[in-house]
């Protein structure tokens, strides 16, 4: 039974890692939940609590990185907080209306529209849109690395206990 639960947890983690690329699939939250389920159902062992704490910390960093890195790219490009919020809202709306590409389309469109309405300058609006787009792209890389680290910590937990 323990082997089956380990396989299920590992499979859920791989699905969570794929969720970094597929917006309609939970990502690091699924990886974290699989680790939690593993600990509750299989047992924590000696290293489990420490490694689960590390997995939790990495998951929180991944969630924060998604919002912070995207926003940092937009701020660097001169976007206002309002256009960044509009981009994030557009991304959330796009997530439900046009998965999987709706997130990116909504993020870029929301940022562009509000920045254009605010400044009446298409070049600056495009610059803000590109900034948030680049930041969003970088956040994918950061989340991928942190997701792999989360899974690596879980693999160490399984191997050690």
Protein backbone atom coordinates (compact mmCIF):
# COMPACT_ATOMS: atom_id res chain seq x y z
CA UNK A 1 0.00 0.00 0.00
CA UNK A 2 2.87 2.36 0.79
CA UNK A 3 4.31 1.83 -2.68
CA UNK A 4 0.98 2.67 -4.30
CA UNK A 5 0.64 5.86 -2.23
CA UNK A 6 4.19 6.84 -3.14
CA UNK A 7 3.42 6.36 -6.85
CA UNK A 8 0.20 8.38 -6.54
CA UNK A 9 1.99 11.21 -4.72
CA UNK A 10 4.79 11.23 -7.29
CA UNK A 11 2.30 11.25 -10.17
CA UNK A 12 0.40 14.16 -8.64
CA UNK A 13 3.66 16.05 -8.29
CA UNK A 14 4.49 15.52 -11.97
CA UNK A 15 1.00 16.77 -12.87
CA UNK A 16 1.63 19.78 -10.62
CA UNK A 17 4.91 20.44 -12.41
CA UNK A 18 3.05 20.32 -15.74
CA UNK A 19 0.62 22.83 -14.24
CA UNK A 20 3.36 25.44 -14.36
CA UNK A 21 2.92 25.33 -18.16
CA UNK A 22 -0.82 24.60 -18.23
CA UNK A 23 -2.79 27.34 -16.48
CA UNK A 24 -5.87 25.19 -15.88
CA UNK A 25 -3.88 22.69 -13.77
CA UNK A 26 -2.79 23.61 -10.24
CA UNK A 27 0.98 23.77 -9.99
CA UNK A 28 3.05 24.11 -6.84
CA UNK A 29 -0.07 23.88 -4.68
CA UNK A 30 -0.68 20.39 -6.10
CA UNK A 31 2.95 19.43 -5.43
CA UNK A 32 2.62 20.69 -1.85
CA UNK A 33 -0.74 18.90 -1.38
CA UNK A 34 0.72 15.63 -2.65
CA UNK A 35 3.59 15.94 -0.15
CA UNK A 36 1.12 16.67 2.64
CA UNK A 37 -1.02 13.68 1.66
CA UNK A 38 2.05 11.49 1.53
CA UNK A 39 3.06 12.55 5.03
CA UNK A 40 -0.42 12.02 6.43
CA UNK A 41 -1.02 8.65 4.74
CA UNK A 42 2.43 7.05 4.65
CA UNK A 43 3.99 8.72 7.65
CA UNK A 44 6.40 11.52 8.38
CA UNK A 45 9.44 9.51 9.38
CA UNK A 46 12.48 11.25 10.81
CA UNK A 47 13.25 13.66 7.98
CA UNK A 48 9.68 14.19 6.77
CA UNK A 49 8.71 17.14 8.98
CA UNK A 50 11.89 19.03 8.07
CA UNK A 51 11.64 18.31 4.38
CA UNK A 52 7.92 19.07 4.34
CA UNK A 53 8.77 22.41 5.97
CA UNK A 54 11.25 23.03 3.15
CA UNK A 55 8.62 22.03 0.57
CA UNK A 56 6.18 24.47 2.18
CA UNK A 57 8.73 27.29 2.12
CA UNK A 58 9.59 26.62 -1.54
CA UNK A 59 5.88 26.55 -2.41
CA UNK A 60 5.32 29.91 -0.73
CA UNK A 61 8.30 31.35 -2.59
CA UNK A 62 6.89 30.05 -5.89
CA UNK A 63 3.51 31.67 -5.24
CA UNK A 64 5.12 34.96 -4.30
CA UNK A 65 7.49 34.84 -7.27
CA UNK A 66 4.64 34.53 -9.74
CA UNK A 67 3.09 37.83 -8.69
CA UNK A 68 6.28 39.65 -7.72
CA UNK A 69 8.44 38.82 -10.75
CA UNK A 70 5.65 39.62 -13.23
CA UNK A 71 4.97 42.92 -11.48
CA UNK A 72 8.67 43.77 -11.27
CA UNK A 73 8.99 43.48 -15.04
CA UNK A 74 6.05 45.81 -15.52
CA UNK A 75 7.29 48.34 -12.95
CA UNK A 76 10.71 48.36 -14.59
CA UNK A 77 9.01 49.13 -17.91
CA UNK A 78 7.19 52.08 -16.33
CA UNK A 79 3.76 50.53 -15.81
CA UNK A 80 1.49 51.96 -13.15
CA UNK A 81 0.12 49.84 -10.30
CA UNK A 82 -3.34 50.22 -11.89
CA UNK A 83 -2.24 48.74 -15.20
CA UNK A 84 -0.49 45.89 -13.38
CA UNK A 85 -3.66 45.16 -11.40
CA UNK A 86 -5.68 45.33 -14.61
CA UNK A 87 -3.26 42.90 -16.22
CA UNK A 88 -3.53 40.48 -13.31
CA UNK A 89 -7.33 40.77 -13.37
CA UNK A 90 -7.33 40.25 -17.13
CA UNK A 91 -5.15 37.18 -16.67
CA UNK A 92 -7.56 35.77 -14.09
CA UNK A 93 -10.50 36.42 -16.38
CA UNK A 94 -8.65 34.92 -19.33
CA UNK A 95 -7.93 31.83 -17.25
CA UNK A 96 -11.66 31.08 -17.10
CA UNK A 97 -12.65 32.26 -20.58
CA UNK A 98 -9.88 30.96 -22.84
CA UNK A 99 -7.68 28.37 -21.17
CA UNK A 100 -4.78 27.81 -21.56
CA UNK A 101 -3.74 30.92 -23.52
CA UNK A 102 -6.29 33.23 -21.91
CA UNK A 103 -4.04 33.99 -18.96
CA UNK A 104 -1.30 35.47 -21.12
CA UNK A 105 -3.75 37.24 -23.45
CA UNK A 106 -5.68 38.74 -20.53
CA UNK A 107 -2.51 39.77 -18.70
CA UNK A 108 -1.09 41.56 -21.73
CA UNK A 109 -4.39 43.09 -22.87
CA UNK A 110 -5.37 44.38 -19.43
CA UNK A 111 -1.97 45.96 -18.89
CA UNK A 112 -1.95 47.58 -22.34
CA UNK A 113 -5.49 48.95 -22.13
CA UNK A 114 -5.19 50.58 -18.72
CA UNK A 115 -1.73 51.96 -19.43
CA UNK A 116 -2.95 53.38 -22.75
CA UNK A 117 -6.04 54.94 -21.14
CA UNK A 118 -3.88 56.41 -18.40
CA UNK A 119 -1.11 57.89 -20.55
CA UNK A 120 -2.67 58.14 -24.03
CA UNK A 121 0.68 56.87 -25.33
CA UNK A 122 0.64 53.61 -27.30
CA UNK A 123 4.43 53.20 -27.12
CA UNK A 124 4.45 53.42 -23.34
CA UNK A 125 1.48 51.05 -23.16
CA UNK A 126 3.30 48.53 -25.36
CA UNK A 127 6.44 48.94 -23.25
CA UNK A 128 4.45 48.21 -20.05
CA UNK A 129 2.79 45.23 -21.75
CA UNK A 130 6.15 43.81 -22.86
CA UNK A 131 7.55 44.38 -19.36
CA UNK A 132 4.80 42.43 -17.65
CA UNK A 133 5.00 39.76 -20.35
CA UNK A 134 8.73 39.32 -19.84
CA UNK A 135 8.27 39.27 -16.08
CA UNK A 136 5.57 36.64 -16.45
CA UNK A 137 7.92 34.58 -18.62
CA UNK A 138 10.70 34.82 -16.04
CA UNK A 139 8.25 33.79 -13.34
CA UNK A 140 7.66 30.55 -15.27
CA UNK A 141 11.35 29.76 -14.97
CA UNK A 142 11.43 30.62 -11.29
CA UNK A 143 8.35 28.49 -10.58
CA UNK A 144 9.79 25.60 -12.59
CA UNK A 145 13.02 25.64 -10.61
CA UNK A 146 11.18 25.91 -7.28
CA UNK A 147 8.74 23.16 -8.31
CA UNK A 148 11.65 20.88 -9.19
CA UNK A 149 13.26 21.70 -5.84
CA UNK A 150 10.00 20.83 -4.06
CA UNK A 151 9.88 17.47 -5.81
CA UNK A 152 13.58 16.92 -5.10
CA UNK A 153 12.98 17.50 -1.39
CA UNK A 154 10.14 14.97 -1.46
CA UNK A 155 12.32 12.41 -3.29
CA UNK A 156 14.97 12.89 -0.58
CA UNK A 157 12.28 12.38 2.05
CA UNK A 158 11.14 9.12 0.43
CA UNK A 159 14.74 7.92 0.01
CA UNK A 160 15.79 8.80 3.56
CA UNK A 161 12.83 7.26 5.38
